[in-house]
């Protein structure tokens, strides 16, 4: 008869690996969506700025439509970014819970170094890690927080353009 404890450990280890793969894939999709929507938003802002600075200007209706479209995209980006951050944060918690259970079973505390790119900030042991001017990590300014913050700034930008519209 197979060892039940060995089967449980194999299951936990496989679940841990799958959770990390899901996290990695989801994070990649988040970055791709952010880059596409940010690119569209910046292109609209560039079009608007070009019409302000050039001799040939758009009608006020055209500028309003560009601003409205930019605002819509920024709000969509914010909603998506906030939800993505929620999912990624929950997935990190799930990974850490599995990690703790596995570490208890094997009597080691270094699983992230063995199987994943999780670091001290992901594990919740530190909020800021500084290893030099070109190498640092912060939970306050994380890759999962940047899209939501940028989208809020873009929403403010588009709202301001409504007031600056001639």
N, C-alpha and C. Protein backbone atom coordinates (compact mmCIF):
# COMPACT_ATOMS: atom_id res chain seq x y z
N UNK A 1 0.85 -1.19 0.00
CA UNK A 1 0.00 0.00 0.00
C UNK A 1 0.89 1.25 0.00
N UNK A 2 0.62 2.23 -0.91
CA UNK A 2 1.45 3.43 -0.97
C UNK A 2 1.36 4.24 0.32
N UNK A 3 2.42 4.95 0.60
CA UNK A 3 2.51 5.78 1.79
C UNK A 3 1.60 7.00 1.63
N UNK A 4 0.61 7.15 2.52
CA UNK A 4 -0.36 8.25 2.43
C UNK A 4 0.34 9.59 2.64
N UNK A 5 1.31 9.64 3.55
CA UNK A 5 2.02 10.89 3.80
C UNK A 5 2.85 11.29 2.57
N UNK A 6 3.45 10.32 1.90
CA UNK A 6 4.22 10.59 0.68
C UNK A 6 3.33 11.09 -0.44
N UNK A 7 2.13 10.52 -0.56
CA UNK A 7 1.18 10.98 -1.57
C UNK A 7 0.72 12.40 -1.29
N UNK A 8 0.48 12.70 -0.01
CA UNK A 8 0.06 14.05 0.36
C UNK A 8 1.16 15.06 0.05
N UNK A 9 2.41 14.70 0.34
CA UNK A 9 3.53 15.58 0.05
C UNK A 9 3.66 15.81 -1.46
N UNK A 10 3.55 14.75 -2.24
CA UNK A 10 3.64 14.87 -3.71
C UNK A 10 2.52 15.76 -4.23
N UNK A 11 1.32 15.60 -3.67
CA UNK A 11 0.20 16.44 -4.07
C UNK A 11 0.46 17.90 -3.73
N UNK A 12 0.93 18.17 -2.53
CA UNK A 12 1.22 19.54 -2.11
C UNK A 12 2.30 20.18 -2.98
N UNK A 13 3.33 19.40 -3.27
CA UNK A 13 4.42 19.91 -4.10
C UNK A 13 3.92 20.22 -5.52
N UNK A 14 3.10 19.36 -6.07
CA UNK A 14 2.54 19.61 -7.40
C UNK A 14 1.62 20.83 -7.37
N UNK A 15 0.81 20.95 -6.32
CA UNK A 15 -0.07 22.11 -6.18
C UNK A 15 0.74 23.40 -6.09
N UNK A 16 1.86 23.35 -5.39
CA UNK A 16 2.75 24.50 -5.25
C UNK A 16 3.31 24.90 -6.61
N UNK A 17 3.78 23.94 -7.37
CA UNK A 17 4.33 24.22 -8.69
C UNK A 17 3.26 24.80 -9.62
N UNK A 18 2.07 24.21 -9.60
CA UNK A 18 0.98 24.69 -10.45
C UNK A 18 0.57 26.11 -10.06
N UNK A 19 0.52 26.38 -8.76
CA UNK A 19 0.16 27.73 -8.29
C UNK A 19 1.17 28.76 -8.78
N UNK A 20 2.44 28.41 -8.76
CA UNK A 20 3.48 29.34 -9.24
C UNK A 20 3.36 29.53 -10.75
N UNK A 21 3.11 28.46 -11.48
CA UNK A 21 2.94 28.57 -12.94
C UNK A 21 1.74 29.46 -13.27
N UNK A 22 0.64 29.28 -12.53
CA UNK A 22 -0.54 30.12 -12.75
C UNK A 22 -0.20 31.58 -12.46
N UNK A 23 0.47 31.81 -11.34
CA UNK A 23 0.87 33.17 -10.96
C UNK A 23 1.72 33.80 -12.06
N UNK A 24 2.68 33.07 -12.55
CA UNK A 24 3.58 33.58 -13.59
C UNK A 24 2.82 33.91 -14.87
N UNK A 25 1.95 33.02 -15.30
CA UNK A 25 1.17 33.25 -16.51
C UNK A 25 0.22 34.42 -16.36
N UNK A 26 -0.42 34.51 -15.21
CA UNK A 26 -1.36 35.60 -14.97
C UNK A 26 -0.63 36.93 -14.92
N UNK A 27 0.53 36.97 -14.26
CA UNK A 27 1.31 38.20 -14.18
C UNK A 27 1.75 38.65 -15.57
N UNK A 28 2.09 37.72 -16.43
CA UNK A 28 2.47 38.05 -17.80
C UNK A 28 1.28 38.65 -18.56
N UNK A 29 0.11 38.06 -18.39
CA UNK A 29 -1.09 38.60 -19.04
C UNK A 29 -1.45 39.99 -18.51
N UNK A 30 -1.26 40.20 -17.22
CA UNK A 30 -1.51 41.51 -16.61
C UNK A 30 -0.61 42.56 -17.25
N UNK A 31 0.67 42.24 -17.37
CA UNK A 31 1.63 43.18 -17.95
C UNK A 31 1.29 43.47 -19.41
N UNK A 32 0.88 42.47 -20.15
CA UNK A 32 0.53 42.66 -21.56
C UNK A 32 -0.69 43.57 -21.69
N UNK A 33 -1.73 43.31 -20.91
CA UNK A 33 -2.94 44.15 -20.96
C UNK A 33 -2.60 45.59 -20.58
N UNK A 34 -1.82 45.75 -19.53
CA UNK A 34 -1.43 47.10 -19.09
C UNK A 34 -0.68 47.82 -20.20
N UNK A 35 0.28 47.16 -20.82
CA UNK A 35 1.07 47.80 -21.87
C UNK A 35 0.20 48.21 -23.06
N UNK A 36 -0.74 47.36 -23.46
CA UNK A 36 -1.62 47.68 -24.59
C UNK A 36 -2.50 48.88 -24.26
N UNK A 37 -3.18 48.83 -23.12
CA UNK A 37 -4.08 49.93 -22.75
C UNK A 37 -3.31 51.22 -22.49
N UNK A 38 -2.15 51.12 -21.88
CA UNK A 38 -1.34 52.31 -21.65
C UNK A 38 -0.88 52.91 -22.98
N UNK A 39 -0.51 52.05 -23.92
CA UNK A 39 -0.11 52.52 -25.24
C UNK A 39 -1.23 53.28 -25.94
N UNK A 40 -2.44 52.75 -25.88
CA UNK A 40 -3.58 53.42 -26.49
C UNK A 40 -3.85 54.75 -25.79
N UNK A 41 -3.79 54.74 -24.46
CA UNK A 41 -4.01 55.97 -23.69
C UNK A 41 -2.98 57.04 -24.02
N UNK A 42 -1.73 56.65 -24.11
CA UNK A 42 -0.65 57.60 -24.43
C UNK A 42 -0.80 58.11 -25.87
N UNK A 43 -1.21 57.25 -26.79
CA UNK A 43 -1.43 57.68 -28.17
C UNK A 43 -2.55 58.72 -28.23
N UNK A 44 -3.62 58.51 -27.48
CA UNK A 44 -4.71 59.49 -27.44
C UNK A 44 -4.23 60.81 -26.83
N UNK A 45 -3.45 60.71 -25.76
CA UNK A 45 -2.92 61.93 -25.14
C UNK A 45 -1.99 62.65 -26.11
N UNK A 46 -1.19 61.92 -26.85
CA UNK A 46 -0.32 62.52 -27.86
C UNK A 46 -1.11 63.20 -28.96
N UNK A 47 -2.18 62.58 -29.40
CA UNK A 47 -3.05 63.17 -30.42
C UNK A 47 -3.67 64.46 -29.90
N UNK A 48 -4.10 64.43 -28.66
CA UNK A 48 -4.69 65.62 -28.05
C UNK A 48 -3.64 66.73 -27.92
N UNK A 49 -2.47 66.38 -27.43
CA UNK A 49 -1.39 67.37 -27.28
C UNK A 49 -0.97 67.93 -28.63
N UNK A 50 -0.92 67.08 -29.64
CA UNK A 50 -0.55 67.54 -30.98
C UNK A 50 -1.57 68.56 -31.51
N UNK A 51 -2.84 68.31 -31.23
CA UNK A 51 -3.86 69.25 -31.69
C UNK A 51 -3.78 70.57 -30.93
N UNK A 52 -3.35 70.55 -29.69
CA UNK A 52 -3.18 71.79 -28.92
C UNK A 52 -1.99 72.60 -29.44
N UNK A 53 -0.92 71.89 -29.82
CA UNK A 53 0.33 72.56 -30.16
C UNK A 53 0.50 72.89 -31.65
N UNK A 54 -0.30 72.29 -32.50
CA UNK A 54 -0.12 72.51 -33.93
C UNK A 54 -1.06 73.58 -34.45
N UNK A 55 -0.77 74.03 -35.66
CA UNK A 55 -1.61 75.06 -36.27
C UNK A 55 -2.98 74.50 -36.65
N UNK A 56 -3.01 73.22 -37.01
CA UNK A 56 -4.29 72.59 -37.37
C UNK A 56 -4.86 71.93 -36.12
N UNK A 57 -5.91 72.50 -35.63
CA UNK A 57 -6.50 71.97 -34.40
C UNK A 57 -7.77 71.20 -34.72
N UNK A 58 -8.08 70.30 -33.83
CA UNK A 58 -9.34 69.56 -33.95
C UNK A 58 -10.49 70.45 -33.48
N UNK A 59 -11.67 70.12 -33.91
CA UNK A 59 -12.84 70.83 -33.40
C UNK A 59 -12.99 70.50 -31.92
N UNK A 60 -13.75 71.33 -31.23
CA UNK A 60 -13.96 71.05 -29.81
C UNK A 60 -14.69 69.72 -29.62
N UNK A 61 -15.53 69.37 -30.58
CA UNK A 61 -16.22 68.07 -30.51
C UNK A 61 -15.21 66.93 -30.64
N UNK A 62 -14.25 67.06 -31.56
CA UNK A 62 -13.21 66.05 -31.73
C UNK A 62 -12.35 65.91 -30.49
N UNK A 63 -12.00 67.05 -29.89
CA UNK A 63 -11.19 67.00 -28.66
C UNK A 63 -11.99 66.37 -27.52
N UNK A 64 -13.28 66.68 -27.47
CA UNK A 64 -14.14 66.09 -26.44
C UNK A 64 -14.20 64.57 -26.61
N UNK A 65 -14.33 64.12 -27.84
CA UNK A 65 -14.42 62.68 -28.11
C UNK A 65 -13.11 61.98 -27.72
N UNK A 66 -11.97 62.61 -28.05
CA UNK A 66 -10.67 62.03 -27.67
C UNK A 66 -10.55 61.96 -26.15
N UNK A 67 -10.93 63.04 -25.48
CA UNK A 67 -10.87 63.05 -24.02
C UNK A 67 -11.79 62.01 -23.40
N UNK A 68 -12.98 61.90 -23.95
CA UNK A 68 -13.94 60.92 -23.44
C UNK A 68 -13.43 59.49 -23.64
N UNK A 69 -12.88 59.23 -24.82
CA UNK A 69 -12.32 57.91 -25.09
C UNK A 69 -11.14 57.61 -24.15
N UNK A 70 -10.27 58.60 -23.97
CA UNK A 70 -9.14 58.43 -23.04
C UNK A 70 -9.61 58.16 -21.62
N UNK A 71 -10.64 58.90 -21.19
CA UNK A 71 -11.20 58.69 -19.85
C UNK A 71 -11.78 57.28 -19.73
N UNK A 72 -12.52 56.85 -20.73
CA UNK A 72 -13.10 55.50 -20.71
C UNK A 72 -12.00 54.44 -20.61
N UNK A 73 -10.96 54.57 -21.43
CA UNK A 73 -9.87 53.59 -21.40
C UNK A 73 -9.17 53.60 -20.05
N UNK A 74 -8.95 54.79 -19.49
CA UNK A 74 -8.29 54.89 -18.18
C UNK A 74 -9.12 54.27 -17.07
N UNK A 75 -10.43 54.48 -17.11
CA UNK A 75 -11.30 53.86 -16.10
C UNK A 75 -11.28 52.35 -16.26
N UNK A 76 -11.35 51.88 -17.50
CA UNK A 76 -11.27 50.45 -17.77
C UNK A 76 -9.95 49.88 -17.26
N UNK A 77 -8.85 50.60 -17.52
CA UNK A 77 -7.53 50.18 -17.04
C UNK A 77 -7.49 50.12 -15.52
N UNK A 78 -8.10 51.11 -14.86
CA UNK A 78 -8.11 51.11 -13.40
C UNK A 78 -8.88 49.91 -12.85
N UNK A 79 -10.07 49.68 -13.37
CA UNK A 79 -10.89 48.56 -12.89
C UNK A 79 -10.14 47.24 -13.08
N UNK A 80 -9.58 47.08 -14.26
CA UNK A 80 -8.85 45.85 -14.54
C UNK A 80 -7.62 45.72 -13.65
N UNK A 81 -6.88 46.80 -13.45
CA UNK A 81 -5.67 46.78 -12.64
C UNK A 81 -5.96 46.46 -11.18
N UNK A 82 -7.02 47.06 -10.66
CA UNK A 82 -7.38 46.80 -9.27
C UNK A 82 -7.78 45.34 -9.07
N UNK A 83 -8.52 44.79 -10.02
CA UNK A 83 -8.92 43.39 -9.91
C UNK A 83 -7.72 42.46 -10.09
N UNK A 84 -6.83 42.81 -11.02
CA UNK A 84 -5.63 41.99 -11.22
C UNK A 84 -4.76 41.98 -9.96
N UNK A 85 -4.62 43.14 -9.32
CA UNK A 85 -3.82 43.20 -8.09
C UNK A 85 -4.44 42.30 -7.02
N UNK A 86 -5.76 42.32 -6.92
CA UNK A 86 -6.46 41.48 -5.96
C UNK A 86 -6.16 40.00 -6.23
N UNK A 87 -6.29 39.59 -7.50
CA UNK A 87 -6.05 38.18 -7.85
C UNK A 87 -4.60 37.78 -7.57
N UNK A 88 -3.67 38.64 -7.97
CA UNK A 88 -2.25 38.31 -7.76
C UNK A 88 -1.91 38.25 -6.27
N UNK A 89 -2.48 39.15 -5.50
CA UNK A 89 -2.23 39.14 -4.05
C UNK A 89 -2.78 37.85 -3.42
N UNK A 90 -3.97 37.45 -3.84
CA UNK A 90 -4.55 36.20 -3.34
C UNK A 90 -3.73 34.99 -3.76
N UNK A 91 -3.21 35.02 -5.00
CA UNK A 91 -2.40 33.90 -5.48
C UNK A 91 -1.09 33.80 -4.71
N UNK A 92 -0.50 34.94 -4.38
CA UNK A 92 0.73 34.92 -3.57
C UNK A 92 0.43 34.33 -2.20
N UNK A 93 -0.73 34.69 -1.62
CA UNK A 93 -1.11 34.11 -0.32
C UNK A 93 -1.27 32.60 -0.45
N UNK A 94 -1.93 32.16 -1.52
CA UNK A 94 -2.13 30.72 -1.74
C UNK A 94 -0.78 30.00 -1.86
N UNK A 95 0.12 30.59 -2.61
CA UNK A 95 1.46 30.01 -2.78
C UNK A 95 2.18 29.94 -1.44
N UNK A 96 2.09 31.00 -0.66
CA UNK A 96 2.76 31.02 0.64
C UNK A 96 2.16 30.02 1.62
N UNK A 97 0.84 29.86 1.58
CA UNK A 97 0.19 28.86 2.45
C UNK A 97 0.67 27.45 2.09
N UNK A 98 0.71 27.15 0.79
CA UNK A 98 1.21 25.84 0.35
C UNK A 98 2.68 25.66 0.75
N UNK A 99 3.46 26.73 0.56
CA UNK A 99 4.88 26.68 0.91
C UNK A 99 5.07 26.36 2.39
N UNK A 100 4.32 27.03 3.24
CA UNK A 100 4.45 26.80 4.69
C UNK A 100 4.10 25.35 5.04
N UNK A 101 3.06 24.83 4.42
CA UNK A 101 2.66 23.45 4.69
C UNK A 101 3.74 22.46 4.24
N UNK A 102 4.31 22.70 3.07
CA UNK A 102 5.38 21.83 2.57
C UNK A 102 6.61 21.94 3.46
N UNK A 103 6.98 23.17 3.81
CA UNK A 103 8.16 23.37 4.66
C UNK A 103 8.01 22.66 6.00
N UNK A 104 6.80 22.66 6.55
CA UNK A 104 6.54 21.95 7.81
C UNK A 104 6.76 20.45 7.62
N UNK A 105 6.30 19.93 6.51
CA UNK A 105 6.42 18.48 6.27
C UNK A 105 7.87 18.05 6.05
N UNK A 106 8.68 18.92 5.42
CA UNK A 106 10.06 18.52 5.13
C UNK A 106 11.07 19.07 6.13
N UNK A 107 10.62 19.97 7.02
CA UNK A 107 11.51 20.51 8.03
C UNK A 107 12.53 21.51 7.49
N UNK A 108 12.18 22.22 6.40
CA UNK A 108 13.07 23.25 5.82
C UNK A 108 12.29 24.55 5.69
N UNK A 109 13.04 25.64 5.64
CA UNK A 109 12.40 26.94 5.51
C UNK A 109 12.88 27.71 4.27
N UNK A 110 13.35 27.03 3.24
CA UNK A 110 13.94 27.72 2.09
C UNK A 110 13.30 27.32 0.76
N UNK A 111 12.03 26.93 0.78
CA UNK A 111 11.37 26.52 -0.46
C UNK A 111 11.34 27.59 -1.55
N UNK A 112 11.08 28.86 -1.24
CA UNK A 112 11.06 29.85 -2.33
C UNK A 112 12.37 29.88 -3.11
N UNK A 113 13.48 29.74 -2.44
CA UNK A 113 14.77 29.74 -3.13
C UNK A 113 14.91 28.52 -4.03
N UNK A 114 14.23 27.44 -3.69
CA UNK A 114 14.34 26.22 -4.47
C UNK A 114 13.40 26.19 -5.68
N UNK A 115 12.21 26.75 -5.54
CA UNK A 115 11.18 26.55 -6.56
C UNK A 115 10.59 27.80 -7.19
N UNK A 116 10.82 28.96 -6.66
CA UNK A 116 10.12 30.12 -7.19
C UNK A 116 10.94 31.39 -7.08
N UNK A 117 10.52 32.42 -7.82
CA UNK A 117 11.20 33.69 -7.72
C UNK A 117 10.69 34.56 -6.57
N UNK A 118 9.88 34.02 -5.68
CA UNK A 118 9.37 34.80 -4.57
C UNK A 118 10.53 35.29 -3.70
N UNK A 119 10.43 36.52 -3.26
CA UNK A 119 11.48 37.07 -2.42
C UNK A 119 10.90 37.50 -1.08
N UNK A 120 11.70 38.23 -0.31
CA UNK A 120 11.28 38.61 1.05
C UNK A 120 10.04 39.49 1.05
N UNK A 121 9.86 40.30 0.02
CA UNK A 121 8.66 41.14 -0.02
C UNK A 121 7.43 40.31 -0.33
N UNK A 122 7.56 39.31 -1.23
CA UNK A 122 6.44 38.43 -1.53
C UNK A 122 6.04 37.60 -0.31
N UNK A 123 7.03 37.21 0.45
CA UNK A 123 6.77 36.37 1.62
C UNK A 123 6.23 37.17 2.80
N UNK A 124 6.22 38.48 2.67
CA UNK A 124 5.67 39.32 3.73
C UNK A 124 6.61 39.55 4.88
N UNK A 125 7.87 39.14 4.77
CA UNK A 125 8.80 39.34 5.87
C UNK A 125 9.41 40.73 5.86
N UNK A 126 9.43 41.39 4.69
CA UNK A 126 9.94 42.75 4.59
C UNK A 126 9.11 43.53 3.60
N UNK A 127 8.97 44.84 3.84
CA UNK A 127 8.22 45.69 2.91
C UNK A 127 9.13 46.37 1.90
N UNK A 128 10.41 46.48 2.23
CA UNK A 128 11.34 47.15 1.34
C UNK A 128 12.70 46.46 1.44
N UNK A 129 13.25 46.10 0.30
CA UNK A 129 14.57 45.47 0.25
C UNK A 129 15.44 46.34 -0.65
N UNK A 130 16.56 46.81 -0.14
CA UNK A 130 17.46 47.67 -0.90
C UNK A 130 18.82 47.00 -1.00
N UNK A 131 19.23 46.75 -2.24
CA UNK A 131 20.54 46.14 -2.48
C UNK A 131 21.42 47.05 -3.33
N UNK A 132 21.08 48.30 -3.44
CA UNK A 132 21.83 49.26 -4.24
C UNK A 132 20.89 50.10 -5.07
N UNK A 133 21.43 51.16 -5.67
CA UNK A 133 20.60 52.11 -6.40
C UNK A 133 19.89 51.47 -7.60
N UNK A 134 20.45 50.41 -8.15
CA UNK A 134 19.82 49.75 -9.29
C UNK A 134 19.16 48.43 -8.93
N UNK A 135 19.09 48.10 -7.66
CA UNK A 135 18.50 46.83 -7.25
C UNK A 135 17.76 46.99 -5.92
N UNK A 136 16.45 47.16 -6.03
CA UNK A 136 15.62 47.27 -4.84
C UNK A 136 14.21 46.80 -5.15
N UNK A 137 13.47 46.53 -4.11
CA UNK A 137 12.09 46.05 -4.26
C UNK A 137 11.26 46.61 -3.13
N UNK A 138 10.06 47.07 -3.49
CA UNK A 138 9.18 47.67 -2.49
C UNK A 138 7.76 47.15 -2.67
N UNK A 139 7.12 46.85 -1.56
CA UNK A 139 5.70 46.50 -1.62
C UNK A 139 4.84 47.75 -1.79
N UNK A 140 5.43 48.92 -1.51
CA UNK A 140 4.68 50.17 -1.66
C UNK A 140 4.60 50.60 -3.12
N UNK A 141 5.59 50.23 -3.90
CA UNK A 141 5.63 50.57 -5.32
C UNK A 141 5.92 49.29 -6.09
N UNK A 142 4.92 48.45 -6.18
CA UNK A 142 5.12 47.13 -6.77
C UNK A 142 4.57 47.08 -8.19
N UNK A 143 4.95 46.07 -8.92
CA UNK A 143 4.47 45.91 -10.29
C UNK A 143 2.96 45.69 -10.34
N UNK A 144 2.40 45.20 -9.26
CA UNK A 144 0.95 45.01 -9.25
C UNK A 144 0.22 46.29 -8.87
N UNK A 145 0.90 47.23 -8.24
CA UNK A 145 0.27 48.49 -7.84
C UNK A 145 0.43 49.57 -8.92
N UNK A 146 1.49 49.54 -9.69
CA UNK A 146 1.78 50.57 -10.68
C UNK A 146 0.64 50.76 -11.68
N UNK A 147 0.07 49.69 -12.26
CA UNK A 147 -1.02 49.92 -13.23
C UNK A 147 -2.21 50.68 -12.65
N UNK A 148 -2.61 50.38 -11.43
CA UNK A 148 -3.74 51.08 -10.83
C UNK A 148 -3.39 52.54 -10.57
N UNK A 149 -2.19 52.81 -10.10
CA UNK A 149 -1.77 54.19 -9.82
C UNK A 149 -1.68 54.98 -11.13
N UNK A 150 -1.07 54.40 -12.15
CA UNK A 150 -0.96 55.07 -13.45
C UNK A 150 -2.35 55.36 -14.01
N UNK A 151 -3.25 54.41 -13.90
CA UNK A 151 -4.59 54.63 -14.45
C UNK A 151 -5.32 55.75 -13.70
N UNK A 152 -5.12 55.86 -12.40
CA UNK A 152 -5.73 56.96 -11.64
C UNK A 152 -5.16 58.30 -12.11
N UNK A 153 -3.85 58.35 -12.32
CA UNK A 153 -3.24 59.58 -12.84
C UNK A 153 -3.78 59.93 -14.22
N UNK A 154 -3.98 58.93 -15.06
CA UNK A 154 -4.54 59.17 -16.39
C UNK A 154 -6.00 59.63 -16.31
N UNK A 155 -6.77 59.09 -15.37
CA UNK A 155 -8.15 59.54 -15.19
C UNK A 155 -8.15 61.03 -14.83
N UNK A 156 -7.26 61.42 -13.93
CA UNK A 156 -7.15 62.84 -13.55
C UNK A 156 -6.77 63.67 -14.77
N UNK A 157 -5.80 63.19 -15.56
CA UNK A 157 -5.39 63.90 -16.77
C UNK A 157 -6.56 64.12 -17.70
N UNK A 158 -7.34 63.07 -17.95
CA UNK A 158 -8.46 63.20 -18.88
C UNK A 158 -9.55 64.11 -18.33
N UNK A 159 -9.77 64.09 -17.03
CA UNK A 159 -10.76 65.00 -16.44
C UNK A 159 -10.31 66.45 -16.58
N UNK A 160 -9.01 66.69 -16.42
CA UNK A 160 -8.47 68.04 -16.58
C UNK A 160 -8.64 68.51 -18.03
N UNK A 161 -8.47 67.59 -18.98
CA UNK A 161 -8.61 67.99 -20.39
C UNK A 161 -10.02 68.48 -20.71
N UNK A 162 -11.02 68.00 -19.99
CA UNK A 162 -12.39 68.49 -20.22
C UNK A 162 -12.49 69.97 -19.88
N UNK A 163 -11.76 70.39 -18.84
CA UNK A 163 -11.81 71.80 -18.43
C UNK A 163 -10.94 72.68 -19.30
N UNK A 164 -9.91 72.11 -19.90
CA UNK A 164 -9.03 72.88 -20.78
C UNK A 164 -9.52 72.93 -22.22
N UNK A 165 -10.54 72.15 -22.50
CA UNK A 165 -11.08 72.10 -23.86
C UNK A 165 -11.68 73.47 -24.22
N UNK A 166 -11.30 74.00 -25.39
CA UNK A 166 -11.85 75.31 -25.78
C UNK A 166 -13.33 75.24 -26.10
